[in-house]
Amino acid sequence: MMFTPLHDRNPLRIIPFQHVTLSVIALCCSLFLAPRLFPVAEAESLIDGLGLVPAMLFCGSQIPAAQPRVPAELTLLTAAFVHGSWLHLIGNMPLL
């Protein structure tokens, strides 16, 4: 028995094609693959900069100046698109 819905019986009259869903999937996959184009240290710095660190968001903790980072409030959005491993990415994308 499968718990993931693969389809439903509702006809797609209003939205014939899921442009937004496929765009989100493409963005997640791109953000997962992009750091692999850089050396390991730079890739880790990029991923750390986009990820959510609660101490920075809620307590105002600071990060090293050399690490690129988006504003702490924006990490609430960017962290949703960063995936930690192939299994994490592959496990999340079918649910979209």
PDB file of N, CA and C in Angstrom:
ATOM      1  N   MET A   1       0.844  -1.174   0.000  1.00  0.00           N
ATOM      2  CA  MET A   1       0.000   0.000   0.000  1.00  0.00           C
ATOM      3  C   MET A   1       0.896   1.245   0.000  1.00  0.00           C
ATOM      4  N   MET A   2       0.606   2.155  -0.882  1.00  0.00           N
ATOM      5  CA  MET A   2       1.390   3.373  -1.052  1.00  0.00           C
ATOM      6  C   MET A   2       0.698   4.527  -0.324  1.00  0.00           C
ATOM      7  N   PHE A   3       1.452   5.336   0.405  1.00  0.00           N
ATOM      8  CA  PHE A   3       0.877   6.478   1.113  1.00  0.00           C
ATOM      9  C   PHE A   3       1.064   7.780   0.357  1.00  0.00           C
ATOM     10  N   THR A   4       1.896   7.784  -0.670  1.00  0.00           N
ATOM     11  CA  THR A   4       2.139   8.980  -1.457  1.00  0.00           C
ATOM     12  C   THR A   4       1.130   9.029  -2.596  1.00  0.00           C
ATOM     13  N   PRO A   5       0.333  10.099  -2.670  1.00  0.00           N
ATOM     14  CA  PRO A   5      -0.635  10.185  -3.768  1.00  0.00           C
ATOM     15  C   PRO A   5       0.071  10.461  -5.098  1.00  0.00           C
ATOM     16  N   LEU A   6      -0.131   9.596  -6.062  1.00  0.00           N
ATOM     17  CA  LEU A   6       0.500   9.771  -7.366  1.00  0.00           C
ATOM     18  C   LEU A   6      -0.422  10.496  -8.343  1.00  0.00           C
ATOM     19  N   HIS A   7      -1.700  10.459  -8.092  1.00  0.00           N
ATOM     20  CA  HIS A   7      -2.661  11.155  -8.939  1.00  0.00           C
ATOM     21  C   HIS A   7      -3.988  11.226  -8.197  1.00  0.00           C
ATOM     22  N   ASP A   8      -4.897  12.000  -8.750  1.00  0.00           N
ATOM     23  CA  ASP A   8      -6.242  12.033  -8.219  1.00  0.00           C
ATOM     24  C   ASP A   8      -7.221  12.016  -9.390  1.00  0.00           C
ATOM     25  N   ARG A   9      -8.491  12.021  -9.091  1.00  0.00           N
ATOM     26  CA  ARG A   9      -9.492  11.927 -10.158  1.00  0.00           C
ATOM     27  C   ARG A   9     -10.080  13.283 -10.537  1.00  0.00           C
ATOM     28  N   ASN A  10      -9.521  14.358  -9.994  1.00  0.00           N
ATOM     29  CA  ASN A  10     -10.017  15.692 -10.313  1.00  0.00           C
ATOM     30  C   ASN A  10      -9.430  16.149 -11.639  1.00  0.00           C
ATOM     31  N   PRO A  11     -10.260  16.565 -12.573  1.00  0.00           N
ATOM     32  CA  PRO A  11      -9.733  17.049 -13.851  1.00  0.00           C
ATOM     33  C   PRO A  11      -9.041  18.398 -13.670  1.00  0.00           C
ATOM     34  N   LEU A  12      -7.987  18.622 -14.421  1.00  0.00           N
ATOM     35  CA  LEU A  12      -7.239  19.873 -14.347  1.00  0.00           C
ATOM     36  C   LEU A  12      -7.831  20.878 -15.328  1.00  0.00           C
ATOM     37  N   ARG A  13      -8.911  21.514 -14.933  1.00  0.00           N
ATOM     38  CA  ARG A  13      -9.569  22.489 -15.799  1.00  0.00           C
ATOM     39  C   ARG A  13      -8.938  23.868 -15.669  1.00  0.00           C
ATOM     40  N   ILE A  14      -8.580  24.240 -14.464  1.00  0.00           N
ATOM     41  CA  ILE A  14      -8.071  25.586 -14.226  1.00  0.00           C
ATOM     42  C   ILE A  14      -6.570  25.655 -14.475  1.00  0.00           C
ATOM     43  N   ILE A  15      -5.820  24.695 -13.978  1.00  0.00           N
ATOM     44  CA  ILE A  15      -4.364  24.682 -14.115  1.00  0.00           C
ATOM     45  C   ILE A  15      -3.985  23.452 -14.936  1.00  0.00           C
ATOM     46  N   PRO A  16      -3.797  23.616 -16.241  1.00  0.00           N
ATOM     47  CA  PRO A  16      -3.501  22.451 -17.073  1.00  0.00           C
ATOM     48  C   PRO A  16      -2.074  21.922 -16.901  1.00  0.00           C
ATOM     49  N   PHE A  17      -1.159  22.760 -16.417  1.00  0.00           N
ATOM     50  CA  PHE A  17       0.222  22.314 -16.235  1.00  0.00           C
ATOM     51  C   PHE A  17       0.796  22.966 -14.979  1.00  0.00           C
ATOM     52  N   GLN A  18       1.530  22.225 -14.195  1.00  0.00           N
ATOM     53  CA  GLN A  18       2.038  22.700 -12.906  1.00  0.00           C
ATOM     54  C   GLN A  18       3.388  23.412 -13.075  1.00  0.00           C
ATOM     55  N   HIS A  19       3.369  24.634 -13.577  1.00  0.00           N
ATOM     56  CA  HIS A  19       4.597  25.392 -13.817  1.00  0.00           C
ATOM     57  C   HIS A  19       5.331  25.701 -12.519  1.00  0.00           C
ATOM     58  N   VAL A  20       4.617  26.101 -11.499  1.00  0.00           N
ATOM     59  CA  VAL A  20       5.250  26.484 -10.234  1.00  0.00           C
ATOM     60  C   VAL A  20       5.892  25.276  -9.567  1.00  0.00           C
ATOM     61  N   THR A  21       5.197  24.159  -9.550  1.00  0.00           N
ATOM     62  CA  THR A  21       5.747  22.956  -8.922  1.00  0.00           C
ATOM     63  C   THR A  21       7.027  22.520  -9.613  1.00  0.00           C
ATOM     64  N   LEU A  22       7.026  22.491 -10.931  1.00  0.00           N
ATOM     65  CA  LEU A  22       8.232  22.094 -11.650  1.00  0.00           C
ATOM     66  C   LEU A  22       9.351  23.121 -11.484  1.00  0.00           C
ATOM     67  N   SER A  23       8.997  24.385 -11.335  1.00  0.00           N
ATOM     68  CA  SER A  23      10.014  25.414 -11.080  1.00  0.00           C
ATOM     69  C   SER A  23      10.655  25.226  -9.708  1.00  0.00           C
ATOM     70  N   VAL A  24       9.870  24.889  -8.714  1.00  0.00           N
ATOM     71  CA  VAL A  24      10.407  24.643  -7.372  1.00  0.00           C
ATOM     72  C   VAL A  24      11.310  23.410  -7.385  1.00  0.00           C
ATOM     73  N   ILE A  25      10.908  22.361  -8.083  1.00  0.00           N
ATOM     74  CA  ILE A  25      11.741  21.165  -8.200  1.00  0.00           C
ATOM     75  C   ILE A  25      13.060  21.498  -8.892  1.00  0.00           C
ATOM     76  N   ALA A  26      12.990  22.278  -9.980  1.00  0.00           N
ATOM     77  CA  ALA A  26      14.206  22.677 -10.696  1.00  0.00           C
ATOM     78  C   ALA A  26      15.107  23.536  -9.817  1.00  0.00           C
ATOM     79  N   LEU A  27      14.536  24.435  -9.033  1.00  0.00           N
ATOM     80  CA  LEU A  27      15.321  25.281  -8.136  1.00  0.00           C
ATOM     81  C   LEU A  27      16.005  24.439  -7.066  1.00  0.00           C
ATOM     82  N   CYS A  28      15.290  23.504  -6.472  1.00  0.00           N
ATOM     83  CA  CYS A  28      15.881  22.635  -5.450  1.00  0.00           C
ATOM     84  C   CYS A  28      17.025  21.807  -6.026  1.00  0.00           C
ATOM     85  N   CYS A  29      16.816  21.245  -7.194  1.00  0.00           N
ATOM     86  CA  CYS A  29      17.864  20.436  -7.827  1.00  0.00           C
ATOM     87  C   CYS A  29      19.068  21.294  -8.212  1.00  0.00           C
ATOM     88  N   SER A  30      18.819  22.504  -8.706  1.00  0.00           N
ATOM     89  CA  SER A  30      19.913  23.405  -9.076  1.00  0.00           C
ATOM     90  C   SER A  30      20.731  23.810  -7.853  1.00  0.00           C
ATOM     91  N   LEU A  31      20.041  24.152  -6.751  1.00  0.00           N
ATOM     92  CA  LEU A  31      20.757  24.523  -5.539  1.00  0.00           C
ATOM     93  C   LEU A  31      21.489  23.342  -4.928  1.00  0.00           C
ATOM     94  N   PHE A  32      21.024  22.140  -5.197  1.00  0.00           N
ATOM     95  CA  PHE A  32      21.727  20.963  -4.707  1.00  0.00           C
ATOM     96  C   PHE A  32      22.977  20.697  -5.541  1.00  0.00           C
ATOM     97  N   LEU A  33      22.884  20.882  -6.846  1.00  0.00           N
ATOM     98  CA  LEU A  33      24.010  20.581  -7.736  1.00  0.00           C
ATOM     99  C   LEU A  33      25.035  21.711  -7.837  1.00  0.00           C
ATOM    100  N   ALA A  34      24.611  22.956  -7.682  1.00  0.00           N
ATOM    101  CA  ALA A  34      25.509  24.105  -7.855  1.00  0.00           C
ATOM    102  C   ALA A  34      26.743  24.061  -6.955  1.00  0.00           C
ATOM    103  N   PRO A  35      26.633  23.774  -5.671  1.00  0.00           N
ATOM    104  CA  PRO A  35      27.836  23.754  -4.834  1.00  0.00           C
ATOM    105  C   PRO A  35      28.864  22.696  -5.253  1.00  0.00           C
ATOM    106  N   ARG A  36      28.431  21.686  -5.976  1.00  0.00           N
ATOM    107  CA  ARG A  36      29.371  20.650  -6.412  1.00  0.00           C
ATOM    108  C   ARG A  36      30.309  21.147  -7.511  1.00  0.00           C
ATOM    109  N   LEU A  37      30.057  22.341  -8.042  1.00  0.00           N
ATOM    110  CA  LEU A  37      30.927  22.937  -9.051  1.00  0.00           C
ATOM    111  C   LEU A  37      32.106  23.673  -8.418  1.00  0.00           C
ATOM    112  N   PHE A  38      32.048  23.911  -7.112  1.00  0.00           N
ATOM    113  CA  PHE A  38      33.069  24.663  -6.396  1.00  0.00           C
ATOM    114  C   PHE A  38      33.948  23.712  -5.580  1.00  0.00           C
ATOM    115  N   PRO A  39      35.117  24.187  -5.161  1.00  0.00           N
ATOM    116  CA  PRO A  39      35.913  23.388  -4.214  1.00  0.00           C
ATOM    117  C   PRO A  39      35.122  23.147  -2.929  1.00  0.00           C
ATOM    118  N   VAL A  40      35.492  22.111  -2.200  1.00  0.00           N
ATOM    119  CA  VAL A  40      34.723  21.675  -1.033  1.00  0.00           C
ATOM    120  C   VAL A  40      34.549  22.793  -0.005  1.00  0.00           C
ATOM    121  N   ALA A  41      35.599  23.534   0.307  1.00  0.00           N
ATOM    122  CA  ALA A  41      35.509  24.586   1.330  1.00  0.00           C
ATOM    123  C   ALA A  41      34.522  25.676   0.909  1.00  0.00           C
ATOM    124  N   GLU A  42      34.575  26.080  -0.344  1.00  0.00           N
ATOM    125  CA  GLU A  42      33.650  27.115  -0.825  1.00  0.00           C
ATOM    126  C   GLU A  42      32.220  26.591  -0.868  1.00  0.00           C
ATOM    127  N   ALA A  43      32.055  25.330  -1.255  1.00  0.00           N
ATOM    128  CA  ALA A  43      30.712  24.739  -1.312  1.00  0.00           C
ATOM    129  C   ALA A  43      30.092  24.675   0.081  1.00  0.00           C
ATOM    130  N   GLU A  44      30.866  24.258   1.059  1.00  0.00           N
ATOM    131  CA  GLU A  44      30.350  24.195   2.428  1.00  0.00           C
ATOM    132  C   GLU A  44      29.993  25.581   2.941  1.00  0.00           C
ATOM    133  N   SER A  45      30.800  26.567   2.596  1.00  0.00           N
ATOM    134  CA  SER A  45      30.530  27.942   3.002  1.00  0.00           C
ATOM    135  C   SER A  45      29.226  28.445   2.365  1.00  0.00           C
ATOM    136  N   LEU A  46      29.011  28.115   1.101  1.00  0.00           N
ATOM    137  CA  LEU A  46      27.785  28.514   0.409  1.00  0.00           C
ATOM    138  C   LEU A  46      26.561  27.869   1.040  1.00  0.00           C
ATOM    139  N   ILE A  47      26.639  26.582   1.305  1.00  0.00           N
ATOM    140  CA  ILE A  47      25.516  25.863   1.903  1.00  0.00           C
ATOM    141  C   ILE A  47      25.241  26.383   3.312  1.00  0.00           C
ATOM    142  N   ASP A  48      26.299  26.610   4.087  1.00  0.00           N
ATOM    143  CA  ASP A  48      26.122  27.156   5.433  1.00  0.00           C
ATOM    144  C   ASP A  48      25.502  28.546   5.388  1.00  0.00           C
ATOM    145  N   GLY A  49      25.836  29.315   4.358  1.00  0.00           N
ATOM    146  CA  GLY A  49      25.297  30.664   4.231  1.00  0.00           C
ATOM    147  C   GLY A  49      23.823  30.696   3.887  1.00  0.00           C
ATOM    148  N   LEU A  50      23.337  29.675   3.204  1.00  0.00           N
ATOM    149  CA  LEU A  50      21.924  29.623   2.825  1.00  0.00           C
ATOM    150  C   LEU A  50      21.059  28.896   3.845  1.00  0.00           C
ATOM    151  N   GLY A  51      21.696  28.099   4.701  1.00  0.00           N
ATOM    152  CA  GLY A  51      20.951  27.319   5.680  1.00  0.00           C
ATOM    153  C   GLY A  51      20.502  28.150   6.869  1.00  0.00           C
ATOM    154  N   LEU A  52      19.526  27.651   7.578  1.00  0.00           N
ATOM    155  CA  LEU A  52      18.975  28.333   8.746  1.00  0.00           C
ATOM    156  C   LEU A  52      19.749  27.919   9.984  1.00  0.00           C
ATOM    157  N   VAL A  53      20.272  28.918  10.703  1.00  0.00           N
ATOM    158  CA  VAL A  53      20.943  28.683  11.979  1.00  0.00           C
ATOM    159  C   VAL A  53      20.118  29.413  13.038  1.00  0.00           C
ATOM    160  N   PRO A  54      19.391  28.670  13.883  1.00  0.00           N
ATOM    161  CA  PRO A  54      18.488  29.314  14.839  1.00  0.00           C
ATOM    162  C   PRO A  54      19.167  30.340  15.742  1.00  0.00           C
ATOM    163  N   ALA A  55      20.417  30.090  16.147  1.00  0.00           N
ATOM    164  CA  ALA A  55      21.110  31.038  17.024  1.00  0.00           C
ATOM    165  C   ALA A  55      21.293  32.386  16.342  1.00  0.00           C
ATOM    166  N   MET A  56      21.489  32.384  15.037  1.00  0.00           N
ATOM    167  CA  MET A  56      21.641  33.645  14.314  1.00  0.00           C
ATOM    168  C   MET A  56      20.301  34.340  14.123  1.00  0.00           C
ATOM    169  N   LEU A  57      19.276  33.574  13.907  1.00  0.00           N
ATOM    170  CA  LEU A  57      17.957  34.148  13.663  1.00  0.00           C
ATOM    171  C   LEU A  57      17.328  34.697  14.938  1.00  0.00           C
ATOM    172  N   PHE A  58      17.385  33.932  16.017  1.00  0.00           N
ATOM    173  CA  PHE A  58      16.670  34.309  17.232  1.00  0.00           C
ATOM    174  C   PHE A  58      17.531  35.004  18.281  1.00  0.00           C
ATOM    175  N   CYS A  59      18.826  34.691  18.315  1.00  0.00           N
ATOM    176  CA  CYS A  59      19.690  35.255  19.360  1.00  0.00           C
ATOM    177  C   CYS A  59      20.620  36.345  18.839  1.00  0.00           C
ATOM    178  N   GLY A  60      20.663  36.547  17.534  1.00  0.00           N
ATOM    179  CA  GLY A  60      21.520  37.579  16.968  1.00  0.00           C
ATOM    180  C   GLY A  60      22.991  37.217  16.952  1.00  0.00           C
ATOM    181  N   SER A  61      23.319  35.930  17.038  1.00  0.00           N
ATOM    182  CA  SER A  61      24.718  35.517  16.988  1.00  0.00           C
ATOM    183  C   SER A  61      25.321  35.916  15.656  1.00  0.00           C
ATOM    184  N   GLN A  62      26.610  36.131  15.642  1.00  0.00           N
ATOM    185  CA  GLN A  62      27.308  36.548  14.433  1.00  0.00           C
ATOM    186  C   GLN A  62      28.067  35.375  13.828  1.00  0.00           C
ATOM    187  N   ILE A  63      28.349  35.471  12.538  1.00  0.00           N
ATOM    188  CA  ILE A  63      29.119  34.456  11.831  1.00  0.00           C
ATOM    189  C   ILE A  63      30.462  35.059  11.458  1.00  0.00           C
ATOM    190  N   PRO A  64      31.423  34.227  11.096  1.00  0.00           N
ATOM    191  CA  PRO A  64      32.701  34.771  10.652  1.00  0.00           C
ATOM    192  C   PRO A  64      32.504  35.677   9.432  1.00  0.00           C
ATOM    193  N   ALA A  65      33.240  36.764   9.365  1.00  0.00           N
ATOM    194  CA  ALA A  65      33.072  37.748   8.291  1.00  0.00           C
ATOM    195  C   ALA A  65      33.414  37.166   6.920  1.00  0.00           C
ATOM    196  N   ALA A  66      34.270  36.171   6.859  1.00  0.00           N
ATOM    197  CA  ALA A  66      34.690  35.609   5.575  1.00  0.00           C
ATOM    198  C   ALA A  66      33.602  34.764   4.921  1.00  0.00           C
ATOM    199  N   GLN A  67      32.628  34.334   5.695  1.00  0.00           N
ATOM    200  CA  GLN A  67      31.582  33.466   5.159  1.00  0.00           C
ATOM    201  C   GLN A  67      30.463  34.298   4.538  1.00  0.00           C
ATOM    202  N   PRO A  68      30.176  34.064   3.244  1.00  0.00           N
ATOM    203  CA  PRO A  68      29.063  34.797   2.637  1.00  0.00           C
ATOM    204  C   PRO A  68      27.746  34.342   3.246  1.00  0.00           C
ATOM    205  N   ARG A  69      26.833  35.269   3.410  1.00  0.00           N
ATOM    206  CA  ARG A  69      25.577  34.916   4.068  1.00  0.00           C
ATOM    207  C   ARG A  69      24.467  35.855   3.625  1.00  0.00           C
ATOM    208  N   VAL A  70      23.283  35.303   3.494  1.00  0.00           N
ATOM    209  CA  VAL A  70      22.102  36.133   3.268  1.00  0.00           C
ATOM    210  C   VAL A  70      21.619  36.594   4.642  1.00  0.00           C
ATOM    211  N   PRO A  71      20.787  37.618   4.716  1.00  0.00           N
ATOM    212  CA  PRO A  71      20.269  38.052   6.027  1.00  0.00           C
ATOM    213  C   PRO A  71      19.565  36.899   6.751  1.00  0.00           C
ATOM    214  N   ALA A  72      19.660  36.909   8.068  1.00  0.00           N
ATOM    215  CA  ALA A  72      19.128  35.809   8.878  1.00  0.00           C
ATOM    216  C   ALA A  72      17.649  35.554   8.601  1.00  0.00           C
ATOM    217  N   GLU A  73      16.875  36.622   8.392  1.00  0.00           N
ATOM    218  CA  GLU A  73      15.440  36.445   8.140  1.00  0.00           C
ATOM    219  C   GLU A  73      15.188  35.748   6.805  1.00  0.00           C
ATOM    220  N   LEU A  74      16.053  35.984   5.836  1.00  0.00           N
ATOM    221  CA  LEU A  74      15.889  35.371   4.516  1.00  0.00           C
ATOM    222  C   LEU A  74      16.213  33.879   4.531  1.00  0.00           C
ATOM    223  N   THR A  75      16.989  33.419   5.516  1.00  0.00           N
ATOM    224  CA  THR A  75      17.302  31.990   5.589  1.00  0.00           C
ATOM    225  C   THR A  75      16.071  31.143   5.866  1.00  0.00           C
ATOM    226  N   LEU A  76      15.000  31.754   6.384  1.00  0.00           N
ATOM    227  CA  LEU A  76      13.743  31.010   6.541  1.00  0.00           C
ATOM    228  C   LEU A  76      13.245  30.527   5.185  1.00  0.00           C
ATOM    229  N   LEU A  77      13.502  31.292   4.138  1.00  0.00           N
ATOM    230  CA  LEU A  77      13.103  30.917   2.785  1.00  0.00           C
ATOM    231  C   LEU A  77      14.175  30.061   2.105  1.00  0.00           C
ATOM    232  N   THR A  78      15.427  30.481   2.151  1.00  0.00           N
ATOM    233  CA  THR A  78      16.477  29.765   1.421  1.00  0.00           C
ATOM    234  C   THR A  78      16.721  28.362   1.973  1.00  0.00           C
ATOM    235  N   ALA A  79      16.532  28.171   3.272  1.00  0.00           N
ATOM    236  CA  ALA A  79      16.759  26.854   3.867  1.00  0.00           C
ATOM    237  C   ALA A  79      15.793  25.801   3.321  1.00  0.00           C
ATOM    238  N   ALA A  80      14.637  26.242   2.849  1.00  0.00           N
ATOM    239  CA  ALA A  80      13.659  25.298   2.300  1.00  0.00           C
ATOM    240  C   ALA A  80      14.126  24.677   0.993  1.00  0.00           C
ATOM    241  N   PHE A  81      15.079  25.322   0.324  1.00  0.00           N
ATOM    242  CA  PHE A  81      15.546  24.837  -0.967  1.00  0.00           C
ATOM    243  C   PHE A  81      16.884  24.119  -0.891  1.00  0.00           C
ATOM    244  N   VAL A  82      17.522  24.115   0.266  1.00  0.00           N
ATOM    245  CA  VAL A  82      18.830  23.471   0.441  1.00  0.00           C
ATOM    246  C   VAL A  82      18.597  22.063   0.976  1.00  0.00           C
ATOM    247  N   HIS A  83      19.198  21.074   0.339  1.00  0.00           N
ATOM    248  CA  HIS A  83      19.053  19.677   0.756  1.00  0.00           C
ATOM    249  C   HIS A  83      20.424  19.115   1.101  1.00  0.00           C
ATOM    250  N   GLY A  84      20.465  18.254   2.106  1.00  0.00           N
ATOM    251  CA  GLY A  84      21.735  17.770   2.638  1.00  0.00           C
ATOM    252  C   GLY A  84      22.354  16.606   1.898  1.00  0.00           C
ATOM    253  N   SER A  85      21.567  15.798   1.229  1.00  0.00           N
ATOM    254  CA  SER A  85      22.126  14.626   0.549  1.00  0.00           C
ATOM    255  C   SER A  85      21.211  14.238  -0.608  1.00  0.00           C
ATOM    256  N   TRP A  86      21.707  13.292  -1.427  1.00  0.00           N
ATOM    257  CA  TRP A  86      20.893  12.792  -2.547  1.00  0.00           C
ATOM    258  C   TRP A  86      19.592  12.186  -2.026  1.00  0.00           C
ATOM    259  N   LEU A  87      19.689  11.417  -0.936  1.00  0.00           N
ATOM    260  CA  LEU A  87      18.479  10.783  -0.391  1.00  0.00           C
ATOM    261  C   LEU A  87      17.474  11.827   0.096  1.00  0.00           C
ATOM    262  N   HIS A  88      17.976  12.893   0.699  1.00  0.00           N
ATOM    263  CA  HIS A  88      17.099  13.962   1.155  1.00  0.00           C
ATOM    264  C   HIS A  88      16.385  14.604  -0.038  1.00  0.00           C
ATOM    265  N   LEU A  89      17.130  14.899  -1.091  1.00  0.00           N
ATOM    266  CA  LEU A  89      16.558  15.517  -2.292  1.00  0.00           C
ATOM    267  C   LEU A  89      15.559  14.576  -2.967  1.00  0.00           C
ATOM    268  N   ILE A  90      15.967  13.337  -3.191  1.00  0.00           N
ATOM    269  CA  ILE A  90      15.120  12.351  -3.875  1.00  0.00           C
ATOM    270  C   ILE A  90      13.872  12.030  -3.044  1.00  0.00           C
ATOM    271  N   GLY A  91      14.007  12.071  -1.740  1.00  0.00           N
ATOM    272  CA  GLY A  91      12.859  11.807  -0.873  1.00  0.00           C
ATOM    273  C   GLY A  91      11.849  12.938  -0.865  1.00  0.00           C
ATOM    274  N   ASN A  92      12.312  14.185  -1.036  1.00  0.00           N
ATOM    275  CA  ASN A  92      11.405  15.334  -0.988  1.00  0.00           C
ATOM    276  C   ASN A  92      10.752  15.662  -2.324  1.00  0.00           C
ATOM    277  N   MET A  93      11.439  15.492  -3.416  1.00  0.00           N
ATOM    278  CA  MET A  93      10.912  15.936  -4.703  1.00  0.00           C
ATOM    279  C   MET A  93       9.658  15.198  -5.165  1.00  0.00           C
ATOM    280  N   PRO A  94       9.515  13.911  -4.968  1.00  0.00           N
ATOM    281  CA  PRO A  94       8.261  13.255  -5.382  1.00  0.00           C
ATOM    282  C   PRO A  94       7.041  13.771  -4.603  1.00  0.00           C
ATOM    283  N   LEU A  95       7.250  14.279  -3.407  1.00  0.00           N
ATOM    284  CA  LEU A  95       6.124  14.775  -2.610  1.00  0.00           C
ATOM    285  C   LEU A  95       5.613  16.104  -3.140  1.00  0.00           C
ATOM    286  N   LEU A  96       6.424  16.806  -3.918  1.00  0.00           N
ATOM    287  CA  LEU A  96       5.930  18.037  -4.543  1.00  0.00           C
ATOM    288  C   LEU A  96       4.967  17.698  -5.656  1.00  0.00           C
TER     289      LEU A  96
END
